[in-house]
PDB file of N, CA and C in Angstrom:
ATOM      1  N   UNK A   1     -18.388 -13.077   7.187  1.00  0.00           N
ATOM      2  CA  UNK A   1     -17.249 -12.806   7.714  1.00  0.00           C
ATOM      3  C   UNK A   1     -17.236 -11.728   8.977  1.00  0.00           C
ATOM      4  N   UNK A   2     -16.706 -12.067   9.936  1.00  0.00           N
ATOM      5  CA  UNK A   2     -16.872 -11.281  11.324  1.00  0.00           C
ATOM      6  C   UNK A   2     -15.983 -10.220  11.301  1.00  0.00           C
ATOM      7  N   UNK A   3     -16.224  -9.163  12.275  1.00  0.00           N
ATOM      8  CA  UNK A   3     -15.467  -7.863  12.131  1.00  0.00           C
ATOM      9  C   UNK A   3     -14.052  -8.239  12.628  1.00  0.00           C
ATOM     10  N   UNK A   4     -13.606  -8.983  13.315  1.00  0.00           N
ATOM     11  CA  UNK A   4     -12.294  -9.338  13.614  1.00  0.00           C
ATOM     12  C   UNK A   4     -11.624 -10.141  12.618  1.00  0.00           C
ATOM     13  N   UNK A   5     -12.306 -10.747  11.984  1.00  0.00           N
ATOM     14  CA  UNK A   5     -11.752 -11.541  10.832  1.00  0.00           C
ATOM     15  C   UNK A   5     -11.332 -10.476   9.758  1.00  0.00           C
ATOM     16  N   UNK A   6     -11.987  -9.304   9.591  1.00  0.00           N
ATOM     17  CA  UNK A   6     -11.852  -8.430   8.547  1.00  0.00           C
ATOM     18  C   UNK A   6     -10.379  -7.569   8.865  1.00  0.00           C
ATOM     19  N   UNK A   7     -10.319  -7.368  10.246  1.00  0.00           N
ATOM     20  CA  UNK A   7      -9.144  -6.793  10.770  1.00  0.00           C
ATOM     21  C   UNK A   7      -7.810  -7.744  10.591  1.00  0.00           C
ATOM     22  N   UNK A   8      -8.040  -8.871  10.891  1.00  0.00           N
ATOM     23  CA  UNK A   8      -7.037 -10.045  10.734  1.00  0.00           C
ATOM     24  C   UNK A   8      -6.749 -10.041   9.218  1.00  0.00           C
ATOM     25  N   UNK A   9      -7.633 -10.105   8.213  1.00  0.00           N
ATOM     26  CA  UNK A   9      -7.550 -10.071   6.884  1.00  0.00           C
ATOM     27  C   UNK A   9      -6.595  -8.867   6.484  1.00  0.00           C
ATOM     28  N   UNK A  10      -6.841  -7.649   6.972  1.00  0.00           N
ATOM     29  CA  UNK A  10      -6.321  -6.429   6.746  1.00  0.00           C
ATOM     30  C   UNK A  10      -4.805  -6.607   7.111  1.00  0.00           C
ATOM     31  N   UNK A  11      -4.574  -7.132   8.277  1.00  0.00           N
ATOM     32  CA  UNK A  11      -3.203  -7.254   8.874  1.00  0.00           C
ATOM     33  C   UNK A  11      -2.532  -8.280   7.955  1.00  0.00           C
ATOM     34  N   UNK A  12      -3.123  -9.457   7.573  1.00  0.00           N
ATOM     35  CA  UNK A  12      -2.507 -10.479   6.660  1.00  0.00           C
ATOM     36  C   UNK A  12      -2.130  -9.877   5.417  1.00  0.00           C
ATOM     37  N   UNK A  13      -2.931  -9.153   4.866  1.00  0.00           N
ATOM     38  CA  UNK A  13      -2.625  -8.447   3.451  1.00  0.00           C
ATOM     39  C   UNK A  13      -1.488  -7.518   3.705  1.00  0.00           C
ATOM     40  N   UNK A  14      -1.388  -6.688   4.790  1.00  0.00           N
ATOM     41  CA  UNK A  14      -0.409  -5.757   4.977  1.00  0.00           C
ATOM     42  C   UNK A  14       0.935  -6.545   5.037  1.00  0.00           C
ATOM     43  N   UNK A  15       1.019  -7.850   5.745  1.00  0.00           N
ATOM     44  CA  UNK A  15       2.105  -8.743   5.906  1.00  0.00           C
ATOM     45  C   UNK A  15       2.530  -9.134   4.445  1.00  0.00           C
ATOM     46  N   UNK A  16       1.565  -9.767   3.717  1.00  0.00           N
ATOM     47  CA  UNK A  16       1.756 -10.142   2.594  1.00  0.00           C
ATOM     48  C   UNK A  16       2.478  -9.225   1.455  1.00  0.00           C
ATOM     49  N   UNK A  17       2.143  -8.042   1.411  1.00  0.00           N
ATOM     50  CA  UNK A  17       2.661  -6.939   0.675  1.00  0.00           C
ATOM     51  C   UNK A  17       4.021  -6.679   0.950  1.00  0.00           C
ATOM     52  N   UNK A  18       4.265  -6.581   2.318  1.00  0.00           N
ATOM     53  CA  UNK A  18       5.722  -6.252   2.929  1.00  0.00           C
ATOM     54  C   UNK A  18       6.449  -7.387   2.590  1.00  0.00           C
ATOM     55  N   UNK A  19       6.053  -8.532   2.800  1.00  0.00           N
ATOM     56  CA  UNK A  19       6.824  -9.940   2.198  1.00  0.00           C
ATOM     57  C   UNK A  19       7.387  -9.764   0.887  1.00  0.00           C
ATOM     58  N   UNK A  20       6.386  -9.331  -0.088  1.00  0.00           N
ATOM     59  CA  UNK A  20       6.631  -9.232  -1.504  1.00  0.00           C
ATOM     60  C   UNK A  20       7.885  -8.179  -1.731  1.00  0.00           C
ATOM     61  N   UNK A  21       7.615  -6.974  -0.981  1.00  0.00           N
ATOM     62  CA  UNK A  21       8.590  -5.931  -1.268  1.00  0.00           C
ATOM     63  C   UNK A  21       9.936  -6.354  -0.748  1.00  0.00           C
ATOM     64  N   UNK A  22      10.039  -6.968   0.301  1.00  0.00           N
ATOM     65  CA  UNK A  22      11.218  -7.540   0.935  1.00  0.00           C
ATOM     66  C   UNK A  22      11.952  -8.575   0.019  1.00  0.00           C
ATOM     67  N   UNK A  23      11.217  -9.363  -0.664  1.00  0.00           N
ATOM     68  CA  UNK A  23      11.852 -10.339  -1.430  1.00  0.00           C
ATOM     69  C   UNK A  23      12.205 -10.063  -2.865  1.00  0.00           C
ATOM     70  N   UNK A  24      11.959  -8.649  -3.264  1.00  0.00           N
ATOM     71  CA  UNK A  24      12.330  -8.107  -4.432  1.00  0.00           C
ATOM     72  C   UNK A  24      13.715  -7.785  -4.418  1.00  0.00           C
ATOM     73  N   UNK A  25      14.737  -8.686  -4.970  1.00  0.00           N
ATOM     74  CA  UNK A  25      15.975  -8.417  -5.056  1.00  0.00           C
ATOM     75  C   UNK A  25      16.574  -7.282  -5.934  1.00  0.00           C
ATOM     76  N   UNK A  26      15.641  -6.798  -6.762  1.00  0.00           N
ATOM     77  CA  UNK A  26      16.156  -5.769  -7.841  1.00  0.00           C
ATOM     78  C   UNK A  26      15.985  -4.306  -7.154  1.00  0.00           C
ATOM     79  N   UNK A  27      15.025  -4.256  -6.246  1.00  0.00           N
ATOM     80  CA  UNK A  27      14.885  -2.798  -5.853  1.00  0.00           C
ATOM     81  C   UNK A  27      15.959  -2.447  -4.756  1.00  0.00           C
ATOM     82  N   UNK A  28      16.073  -0.981  -4.746  1.00  0.00           N
ATOM     83  CA  UNK A  28      17.162  -0.569  -3.820  1.00  0.00           C
ATOM     84  C   UNK A  28      16.621  -0.547  -2.473  1.00  0.00           C
ATOM     85  N   UNK A  29      17.376  -0.534  -1.383  1.00  0.00           N
ATOM     86  CA  UNK A  29      17.022  -0.373   0.015  1.00  0.00           C
ATOM     87  C   UNK A  29      16.103   0.742   0.416  1.00  0.00           C
ATOM     88  N   UNK A  30      16.543   2.126  -0.245  1.00  0.00           N
ATOM     89  CA  UNK A  30      16.010   3.059   0.014  1.00  0.00           C
ATOM     90  C   UNK A  30      14.346   3.210  -0.557  1.00  0.00           C
ATOM     91  N   UNK A  31      14.166   2.464  -1.698  1.00  0.00           N
ATOM     92  CA  UNK A  31      12.822   2.206  -2.236  1.00  0.00           C
ATOM     93  C   UNK A  31      11.897   1.265  -1.359  1.00  0.00           C
ATOM     94  N   UNK A  32      12.743   0.240  -1.067  1.00  0.00           N
ATOM     95  CA  UNK A  32      12.044  -0.827  -0.057  1.00  0.00           C
ATOM     96  C   UNK A  32      11.479  -0.197   1.134  1.00  0.00           C
ATOM     97  N   UNK A  33      12.442   0.662   1.745  1.00  0.00           N
ATOM     98  CA  UNK A  33      11.998   1.400   3.113  1.00  0.00           C
ATOM     99  C   UNK A  33      10.727   2.203   2.796  1.00  0.00           C
ATOM    100  N   UNK A  34      10.741   3.094   1.626  1.00  0.00           N
ATOM    101  CA  UNK A  34       9.691   3.883   1.338  1.00  0.00           C
ATOM    102  C   UNK A  34       8.528   3.150   1.127  1.00  0.00           C
ATOM    103  N   UNK A  35       8.430   2.045   0.306  1.00  0.00           N
ATOM    104  CA  UNK A  35       7.310   1.251   0.101  1.00  0.00           C
ATOM    105  C   UNK A  35       6.659   0.620   1.248  1.00  0.00           C
ATOM    106  N   UNK A  36       7.404   0.095   2.093  1.00  0.00           N
ATOM    107  CA  UNK A  36       7.030  -0.435   3.341  1.00  0.00           C
ATOM    108  C   UNK A  36       6.371   0.640   4.197  1.00  0.00           C
ATOM    109  N   UNK A  37       6.970   1.706   4.332  1.00  0.00           N
ATOM    110  CA  UNK A  37       6.384   2.746   5.138  1.00  0.00           C
ATOM    111  C   UNK A  37       4.946   3.204   4.591  1.00  0.00           C
ATOM    112  N   UNK A  38       4.819   3.315   3.201  1.00  0.00           N
ATOM    113  CA  UNK A  38       3.759   3.471   2.518  1.00  0.00           C
ATOM    114  C   UNK A  38       2.658   2.515   2.869  1.00  0.00           C
ATOM    115  N   UNK A  39       2.842   1.309   2.726  1.00  0.00           N
ATOM    116  CA  UNK A  39       2.155   0.134   2.959  1.00  0.00           C
ATOM    117  C   UNK A  39       1.471   0.089   4.390  1.00  0.00           C
ATOM    118  N   UNK A  40       2.456   0.406   5.443  1.00  0.00           N
ATOM    119  CA  UNK A  40       1.955   0.594   6.875  1.00  0.00           C
ATOM    120  C   UNK A  40       1.028   1.661   7.011  1.00  0.00           C
ATOM    121  N   UNK A  41       1.415   2.718   6.319  1.00  0.00           N
ATOM    122  CA  UNK A  41       0.509   3.900   6.527  1.00  0.00           C
ATOM    123  C   UNK A  41      -0.806   3.530   5.910  1.00  0.00           C
ATOM    124  N   UNK A  42      -0.829   3.129   4.795  1.00  0.00           N
ATOM    125  CA  UNK A  42      -2.277   2.653   4.140  1.00  0.00           C
ATOM    126  C   UNK A  42      -3.042   1.719   4.876  1.00  0.00           C
ATOM    127  N   UNK A  43      -2.294   0.597   5.518  1.00  0.00           N
ATOM    128  CA  UNK A  43      -2.817  -0.422   6.307  1.00  0.00           C
ATOM    129  C   UNK A  43      -3.537   0.354   7.533  1.00  0.00           C
ATOM    130  N   UNK A  44      -2.753   0.922   8.099  1.00  0.00           N
ATOM    131  CA  UNK A  44      -3.262   1.709   9.312  1.00  0.00           C
ATOM    132  C   UNK A  44      -4.445   2.484   8.954  1.00  0.00           C
ATOM    133  N   UNK A  45      -4.484   3.289   8.039  1.00  0.00           N
ATOM    134  CA  UNK A  45      -5.648   3.911   7.637  1.00  0.00           C
ATOM    135  C   UNK A  45      -7.059   2.949   7.273  1.00  0.00           C
ATOM    136  N   UNK A  46      -6.556   1.907   6.840  1.00  0.00           N
ATOM    137  CA  UNK A  46      -7.508   1.034   6.421  1.00  0.00           C
ATOM    138  C   UNK A  46      -8.277   0.402   7.557  1.00  0.00           C
ATOM    139  N   UNK A  47      -7.334  -0.046   8.535  1.00  0.00           N
ATOM    140  CA  UNK A  47      -7.788  -0.804   9.484  1.00  0.00           C
ATOM    141  C   UNK A  47      -8.600   0.333  10.455  1.00  0.00           C
ATOM    142  N   UNK A  48      -8.225   1.575  10.447  1.00  0.00           N
ATOM    143  CA  UNK A  48      -8.675   2.755  11.215  1.00  0.00           C
ATOM    144  C   UNK A  48     -10.085   2.903  10.764  1.00  0.00           C
ATOM    145  N   UNK A  49     -10.144   2.919   9.420  1.00  0.00           N
ATOM    146  CA  UNK A  49     -11.625   3.167   8.638  1.00  0.00           C
ATOM    147  C   UNK A  49     -12.477   2.137   9.132  1.00  0.00           C
ATOM    148  N   UNK A  50     -11.897   0.792   9.154  1.00  0.00           N
ATOM    149  CA  UNK A  50     -12.784  -0.264   9.633  1.00  0.00           C
ATOM    150  C   UNK A  50     -13.567  -0.214  10.807  1.00  0.00           C
ATOM    151  N   UNK A  51     -12.678   0.341  11.995  1.00  0.00           N
ATOM    152  CA  UNK A  51     -12.904   0.367  13.143  1.00  0.00           C
ATOM    153  C   UNK A  51     -14.179   1.433  13.355  1.00  0.00           C
ATOM    154  N   UNK A  52     -13.895   2.647  12.627  1.00  0.00           N
ATOM    155  CA  UNK A  52     -14.635   3.763  12.735  1.00  0.00           C
ATOM    156  C   UNK A  52     -15.978   3.387  12.055  1.00  0.00           C
ATOM    157  N   UNK A  53     -16.145   2.724  10.901  1.00  0.00           N
ATOM    158  CA  UNK A  53     -17.070   2.283  10.172  1.00  0.00           C
ATOM    159  C   UNK A  53     -17.975   1.293  11.236  1.00  0.00           C
ATOM    160  N   UNK A  54     -17.312   0.456  11.697  1.00  0.00           N
ATOM    161  CA  UNK A  54     -17.918  -0.611  12.717  1.00  0.00           C
ATOM    162  C   UNK A  54     -18.679   0.112  13.821  1.00  0.00           C
ATOM    163  N   UNK A  55     -17.985   1.079  14.400  1.00  0.00           N
ATOM    164  CA  UNK A  55     -18.605   1.932  15.588  1.00  0.00           C
ATOM    165  C   UNK A  55     -19.831   2.560  15.128  1.00  0.00           C
ATOM    166  N   UNK A  56     -19.819   2.942  13.772  1.00  0.00           N
ATOM    167  CA  UNK A  56     -21.250   3.636  13.237  1.00  0.00           C
ATOM    168  C   UNK A  56     -22.166   2.483  12.745  1.00  0.00           C
ATOM    169  N   UNK A  57     -21.916   1.200  13.207  1.00  0.00           N
ATOM    170  CA  UNK A  57     -22.732   0.053  12.869  1.00  0.00           C
ATOM    171  C   UNK A  57     -23.020  -0.098  11.544  1.00  0.00           C
ATOM    172  N   UNK A  58     -22.132   0.038  10.750  1.00  0.00           N
ATOM    173  CA  UNK A  58     -22.203  -0.086   9.232  1.00  0.00           C
ATOM    174  C   UNK A  58     -22.204  -1.735   9.189  1.00  0.00           C
ATOM    175  N   UNK A  59     -22.982  -2.440   8.227  1.00  0.00           N
ATOM    176  CA  UNK A  59     -23.018  -3.809   7.957  1.00  0.00           C
ATOM    177  C   UNK A  59     -21.545  -4.388   7.798  1.00  0.00           C
ATOM    178  N   UNK A  60     -21.176  -5.485   8.528  1.00  0.00           N
ATOM    179  CA  UNK A  60     -19.975  -6.104   8.217  1.00  0.00           C
ATOM    180  C   UNK A  60     -19.789  -6.517   6.837  1.00  0.00           C
ATOM    181  N   UNK A  61     -20.885  -6.895   6.073  1.00  0.00           N
ATOM    182  CA  UNK A  61     -20.748  -7.081   4.741  1.00  0.00           C
ATOM    183  C   UNK A  61     -20.294  -6.091   3.832  1.00  0.00           C
ATOM    184  N   UNK A  62     -20.463  -4.835   4.215  1.00  0.00           N
ATOM    185  CA  UNK A  62     -20.041  -3.850   3.270  1.00  0.00           C
ATOM    186  C   UNK A  62     -18.722  -3.041   3.945  1.00  0.00           C
ATOM    187  N   UNK A  63     -18.319  -3.397   5.045  1.00  0.00           N
ATOM    188  CA  UNK A  63     -17.144  -2.583   5.905  1.00  0.00           C
ATOM    189  C   UNK A  63     -15.987  -2.559   4.944  1.00  0.00           C
ATOM    190  N   UNK A  64     -15.676  -3.645   4.223  1.00  0.00           N
ATOM    191  CA  UNK A  64     -14.452  -3.733   3.494  1.00  0.00           C
ATOM    192  C   UNK A  64     -14.487  -2.723   2.266  1.00  0.00           C
ATOM    193  N   UNK A  65     -15.599  -2.895   1.439  1.00  0.00           N
ATOM    194  CA  UNK A  65     -15.717  -1.987   0.535  1.00  0.00           C
ATOM    195  C   UNK A  65     -15.637  -0.444   0.758  1.00  0.00           C
ATOM    196  N   UNK A  66     -16.480  -0.215   1.998  1.00  0.00           N
ATOM    197  CA  UNK A  66     -16.729   1.259   2.426  1.00  0.00           C
ATOM    198  C   UNK A  66     -15.079   1.761   2.925  1.00  0.00           C
ATOM    199  N   UNK A  67     -14.326   0.950   3.660  1.00  0.00           N
ATOM    200  CA  UNK A  67     -13.177   1.416   3.946  1.00  0.00           C
ATOM    201  C   UNK A  67     -12.230   1.544   2.708  1.00  0.00           C
ATOM    202  N   UNK A  68     -12.330   0.609   1.714  1.00  0.00           N
ATOM    203  CA  UNK A  68     -11.576   0.751   0.565  1.00  0.00           C
ATOM    204  C   UNK A  68     -11.750   2.172   0.066  1.00  0.00           C
ATOM    205  N   UNK A  69     -13.126   2.449  -0.178  1.00  0.00           N
ATOM    206  CA  UNK A  69     -13.539   3.651  -0.755  1.00  0.00           C
ATOM    207  C   UNK A  69     -13.156   5.011  -0.079  1.00  0.00           C
ATOM    208  N   UNK A  70     -13.017   4.851   1.266  1.00  0.00           N
ATOM    209  CA  UNK A  70     -12.333   6.129   2.153  1.00  0.00           C
ATOM    210  C   UNK A  70     -10.928   6.177   1.953  1.00  0.00           C
ATOM    211  N   UNK A  71     -10.386   4.837   1.818  1.00  0.00           N
ATOM    212  CA  UNK A  71      -8.695   4.961   1.415  1.00  0.00           C
ATOM    213  C   UNK A  71      -8.600   5.548  -0.005  1.00  0.00           C
ATOM    214  N   UNK A  72      -9.329   5.140  -0.838  1.00  0.00           N
ATOM    215  CA  UNK A  72      -9.263   5.625  -2.283  1.00  0.00           C
ATOM    216  C   UNK A  72      -9.407   7.037  -2.070  1.00  0.00           C
ATOM    217  N   UNK A  73     -10.451   7.541  -1.748  1.00  0.00           N
ATOM    218  CA  UNK A  73     -10.629   9.118  -1.320  1.00  0.00           C
ATOM    219  C   UNK A  73      -9.342   9.887  -0.801  1.00  0.00           C
ATOM    220  N   UNK A  74      -8.729   9.146   0.296  1.00  0.00           N
ATOM    221  CA  UNK A  74      -7.714   9.692   0.974  1.00  0.00           C
ATOM    222  C   UNK A  74      -6.520   9.812  -0.021  1.00  0.00           C
ATOM    223  N   UNK A  75      -6.309   8.762  -0.839  1.00  0.00           N
ATOM    224  CA  UNK A  75      -5.194   8.757  -1.685  1.00  0.00           C
ATOM    225  C   UNK A  75      -5.309   9.733  -2.802  1.00  0.00           C
ATOM    226  N   UNK A  76      -6.585   9.909  -3.209  1.00  0.00           N
ATOM    227  CA  UNK A  76      -6.799  10.825  -4.290  1.00  0.00           C
ATOM    228  C   UNK A  76      -6.594  12.236  -3.838  1.00  0.00           C
ATOM    229  N   UNK A  77      -6.990  12.620  -2.701  1.00  0.00           N
ATOM    230  CA  UNK A  77      -7.160  13.937  -2.362  1.00  0.00           C
ATOM    231  C   UNK A  77      -6.035  14.475  -1.301  1.00  0.00           C
ATOM    232  N   UNK A  78      -5.376  13.771  -0.523  1.00  0.00           N
ATOM    233  CA  UNK A  78      -4.525  13.989   0.401  1.00  0.00           C
ATOM    234  C   UNK A  78      -3.155  13.489   0.188  1.00  0.00           C
ATOM    235  N   UNK A  79      -2.786  12.760  -0.685  1.00  0.00           N
ATOM    236  CA  UNK A  79      -1.400  12.432  -1.024  1.00  0.00           C
ATOM    237  C   UNK A  79      -0.654  13.719  -1.276  1.00  0.00           C
ATOM    238  N   UNK A  80      -0.996  14.630  -2.122  1.00  0.00           N
ATOM    239  CA  UNK A  80      -0.262  15.902  -2.383  1.00  0.00           C
ATOM    240  C   UNK A  80       0.194  16.503  -1.158  1.00  0.00           C
ATOM    241  N   UNK A  81      -0.626  16.498  -0.130  1.00  0.00           N
ATOM    242  CA  UNK A  81      -0.584  17.355   1.239  1.00  0.00           C
ATOM    243  C   UNK A  81       0.620  16.713   1.936  1.00  0.00           C
ATOM    244  N   UNK A  82       0.569  15.394   2.020  1.00  0.00           N
ATOM    245  CA  UNK A  82       1.501  14.659   2.695  1.00  0.00           C
ATOM    246  C   UNK A  82       2.998  14.808   2.206  1.00  0.00           C
ATOM    247  N   UNK A  83       3.308  14.999   0.915  1.00  0.00           N
ATOM    248  CA  UNK A  83       4.682  15.229   0.547  1.00  0.00           C
ATOM    249  C   UNK A  83       5.316  16.430   0.635  1.00  0.00           C
ATOM    250  N   UNK A  84       6.573  16.420   0.705  1.00  0.00           N
ATOM    251  CA  UNK A  84       7.130  17.928   0.956  1.00  0.00           C
ATOM    252  C   UNK A  84       6.830  18.778  -0.277  1.00  0.00           C
ATOM    253  N   UNK A  85       6.792  20.110   0.245  1.00  0.00           N
ATOM    254  CA  UNK A  85       6.370  21.133  -0.776  1.00  0.00           C
ATOM    255  C   UNK A  85       6.794  21.125  -2.086  1.00  0.00           C
ATOM    256  N   UNK A  86       8.222  20.951  -2.261  1.00  0.00           N
ATOM    257  CA  UNK A  86       8.966  20.991  -3.285  1.00  0.00           C
ATOM    258  C   UNK A  86       8.870  19.740  -4.387  1.00  0.00           C
ATOM    259  N   UNK A  87       8.059  18.828  -3.947  1.00  0.00           N
ATOM    260  CA  UNK A  87       8.021  17.531  -4.722  1.00  0.00           C
ATOM    261  C   UNK A  87       7.500  17.684  -6.031  1.00  0.00           C
ATOM    262  N   UNK A  88       7.945  17.215  -7.118  1.00  0.00           N
ATOM    263  CA  UNK A  88       7.439  17.457  -8.496  1.00  0.00           C
ATOM    264  C   UNK A  88       6.156  16.750  -8.657  1.00  0.00           C
ATOM    265  N   UNK A  89       5.347  17.350  -9.397  1.00  0.00           N
ATOM    266  CA  UNK A  89       3.902  16.755  -9.727  1.00  0.00           C
ATOM    267  C   UNK A  89       4.110  15.311 -10.144  1.00  0.00           C
ATOM    268  N   UNK A  90       5.052  14.972 -10.874  1.00  0.00           N
ATOM    269  CA  UNK A  90       5.394  13.584 -11.423  1.00  0.00           C
ATOM    270  C   UNK A  90       5.526  12.461 -10.304  1.00  0.00           C
ATOM    271  N   UNK A  91       6.437  13.179  -9.458  1.00  0.00           N
ATOM    272  CA  UNK A  91       6.601  12.196  -8.139  1.00  0.00           C
ATOM    273  C   UNK A  91       5.180  12.006  -7.237  1.00  0.00           C
ATOM    274  N   UNK A  92       4.404  13.072  -6.956  1.00  0.00           N
ATOM    275  CA  UNK A  92       3.157  12.897  -6.444  1.00  0.00           C
ATOM    276  C   UNK A  92       2.355  11.771  -7.291  1.00  0.00           C
ATOM    277  N   UNK A  93       2.338  11.817  -8.620  1.00  0.00           N
ATOM    278  CA  UNK A  93       1.532  10.939  -9.189  1.00  0.00           C
ATOM    279  C   UNK A  93       2.076   9.503  -9.036  1.00  0.00           C
ATOM    280  N   UNK A  94       3.440   9.412  -8.958  1.00  0.00           N
ATOM    281  CA  UNK A  94       3.972   7.950  -9.038  1.00  0.00           C
ATOM    282  C   UNK A  94       3.598   7.446  -7.551  1.00  0.00           C
ATOM    283  N   UNK A  95       3.605   8.362  -6.574  1.00  0.00           N
ATOM    284  CA  UNK A  95       3.313   7.924  -5.208  1.00  0.00           C
ATOM    285  C   UNK A  95       1.646   7.551  -5.193  1.00  0.00           C
ATOM    286  N   UNK A  96       1.119   8.204  -6.000  1.00  0.00           N
ATOM    287  CA  UNK A  96      -0.450   7.837  -5.821  1.00  0.00           C
ATOM    288  C   UNK A  96      -0.635   6.499  -6.600  1.00  0.00           C
ATOM    289  N   UNK A  97      -0.022   6.253  -7.929  1.00  0.00           N
ATOM    290  CA  UNK A  97      -0.092   5.067  -8.493  1.00  0.00           C
ATOM    291  C   UNK A  97       0.323   3.836  -7.642  1.00  0.00           C
ATOM    292  N   UNK A  98       1.361   4.195  -6.776  1.00  0.00           N
ATOM    293  CA  UNK A  98       1.763   3.061  -5.830  1.00  0.00           C
ATOM    294  C   UNK A  98       0.561   2.733  -4.892  1.00  0.00           C
ATOM    295  N   UNK A  99       0.304   3.617  -4.244  1.00  0.00           N
ATOM    296  CA  UNK A  99      -0.831   3.808  -3.165  1.00  0.00           C
ATOM    297  C   UNK A  99      -2.036   3.071  -3.751  1.00  0.00           C
ATOM    298  N   UNK A 100      -2.360   3.279  -4.826  1.00  0.00           N
ATOM    299  CA  UNK A 100      -3.636   2.762  -5.657  1.00  0.00           C
ATOM    300  C   UNK A 100      -3.273   1.215  -6.015  1.00  0.00           C
ATOM    301  N   UNK A 101      -2.120   0.906  -6.274  1.00  0.00           N
ATOM    302  CA  UNK A 101      -1.770  -0.449  -6.501  1.00  0.00           C
ATOM    303  C   UNK A 101      -1.803  -1.158  -5.067  1.00  0.00           C
ATOM    304  N   UNK A 102      -1.473  -0.421  -3.918  1.00  0.00           N
ATOM    305  CA  UNK A 102      -1.547  -1.297  -2.733  1.00  0.00           C
ATOM    306  C   UNK A 102      -2.967  -1.443  -2.361  1.00  0.00           C
ATOM    307  N   UNK A 103      -3.798  -0.390  -2.638  1.00  0.00           N
ATOM    308  CA  UNK A 103      -5.393  -0.631  -2.332  1.00  0.00           C
ATOM    309  C   UNK A 103      -5.941  -1.541  -3.186  1.00  0.00           C
ATOM    310  N   UNK A 104      -5.529  -1.829  -4.480  1.00  0.00           N
ATOM    311  CA  UNK A 104      -6.016  -2.854  -5.305  1.00  0.00           C
ATOM    312  C   UNK A 104      -5.610  -4.165  -4.788  1.00  0.00           C
ATOM    313  N   UNK A 105      -4.342  -4.325  -4.081  1.00  0.00           N
ATOM    314  CA  UNK A 105      -4.050  -5.551  -3.612  1.00  0.00           C
ATOM    315  C   UNK A 105      -4.909  -5.976  -2.344  1.00  0.00           C
ATOM    316  N   UNK A 106      -5.158  -4.931  -1.544  1.00  0.00           N
ATOM    317  CA  UNK A 106      -6.330  -5.156  -0.576  1.00  0.00           C
ATOM    318  C   UNK A 106      -7.542  -5.621  -1.019  1.00  0.00           C
ATOM    319  N   UNK A 107      -8.072  -4.943  -2.062  1.00  0.00           N
ATOM    320  CA  UNK A 107      -9.242  -5.459  -2.564  1.00  0.00           C
ATOM    321  C   UNK A 107      -9.362  -6.760  -3.070  1.00  0.00           C
ATOM    322  N   UNK A 108      -8.267  -7.131  -3.716  1.00  0.00           N
ATOM    323  CA  UNK A 108      -8.034  -8.477  -4.407  1.00  0.00           C
ATOM    324  C   UNK A 108      -7.841  -9.636  -3.291  1.00  0.00           C
ATOM    325  N   UNK A 109      -7.342  -9.218  -2.275  1.00  0.00           N
ATOM    326  CA  UNK A 109      -6.918 -10.112  -1.184  1.00  0.00           C
ATOM    327  C   UNK A 109      -8.218 -10.434  -0.509  1.00  0.00           C
ATOM    328  N   UNK A 110      -9.145  -9.288  -0.396  1.00  0.00           N
ATOM    329  CA  UNK A 110     -10.351  -9.495   0.347  1.00  0.00           C
ATOM    330  C   UNK A 110     -11.118 -10.635  -0.355  1.00  0.00           C
ATOM    331  N   UNK A 111     -11.283 -10.361  -1.595  1.00  0.00           N
ATOM    332  CA  UNK A 111     -11.996 -11.161  -2.615  1.00  0.00           C
ATOM    333  C   UNK A 111     -11.693 -12.712  -2.496  1.00  0.00           C
ATOM    334  N   UNK A 112     -10.223 -12.901  -2.492  1.00  0.00           N
ATOM    335  CA  UNK A 112      -9.867 -14.139  -2.444  1.00  0.00           C
ATOM    336  C   UNK A 112     -10.354 -14.568  -1.012  1.00  0.00           C
ATOM    337  N   UNK A 113     -10.172 -14.058  -0.134  1.00  0.00           N
ATOM    338  CA  UNK A 113     -10.515 -14.647   1.261  1.00  0.00           C
ATOM    339  C   UNK A 113     -11.915 -14.829   1.338  1.00  0.00           C
ATOM    340  N   UNK A 114     -12.659 -14.099   0.769  1.00  0.00           N
ATOM    341  CA  UNK A 114     -14.397 -14.088   0.893  1.00  0.00           C
ATOM    342  C   UNK A 114     -14.610 -15.343   0.005  1.00  0.00           C
ATOM    343  N   UNK A 115     -13.918 -15.739  -1.206  1.00  0.00           N
ATOM    344  CA  UNK A 115     -13.960 -16.843  -1.737  1.00  0.00           C
ATOM    345  C   UNK A 115     -13.660 -18.142  -1.211  1.00  0.00           C
ATOM    346  N   UNK A 116     -12.524 -18.179  -0.261  1.00  0.00           N
ATOM    347  CA  UNK A 116     -12.218 -19.141   0.562  1.00  0.00           C
ATOM    348  C   UNK A 116     -13.191 -19.431   1.658  1.00  0.00           C
ATOM    349  N   UNK A 117     -13.858 -18.397   2.136  1.00  0.00           N
ATOM    350  CA  UNK A 117     -14.901 -18.616   3.254  1.00  0.00           C
ATOM    351  C   UNK A 117     -16.272 -19.151   2.601  1.00  0.00           C
ATOM    352  N   UNK A 118     -16.483 -18.808   1.485  1.00  0.00           N
ATOM    353  CA  UNK A 118     -17.745 -19.339   0.883  1.00  0.00           C
ATOM    354  C   UNK A 118     -17.526 -20.866   0.322  1.00  0.00           C
ATOM    355  N   UNK A 119     -16.211 -21.129   0.161  1.00  0.00           N
ATOM    356  CA  UNK A 119     -15.995 -22.714  -0.062  1.00  0.00           C
ATOM    357  C   UNK A 119     -16.030 -23.675   1.009  1.00  0.00           C
ATOM    358  N   UNK A 120     -15.861 -23.164   2.195  1.00  0.00           N
ATOM    359  CA  UNK A 120     -15.646 -23.882   3.344  1.00  0.00           C
ATOM    360  C   UNK A 120     -16.925 -24.629   3.777  1.00  0.00           C
TER     361      UNK A 120
END
């Protein structure tokens, strides 16, 4: 996979997740807005990490994995600092769980894209 294909895959993944959120008829609008903002935030981070790793001439074969690892570390260590000071620990954990689910979607999305490329 080429570098620009990785960026396109990340964008496609972001779009797919947002479509899933928007199609959920049971969730409240406020939750959907928050979820979409979170997805956009993580997707931007992910694409930024891809670009920065590419600048460091990391192998295209490992860029997706390396960016995923950086996003994982970001979620693990930075989530609590992004939320308001008086947010309950349980809420922080819920946000982290959601973010990890988004990251998992990115990982599985890449695996599916890679499988399709190998079958062509």
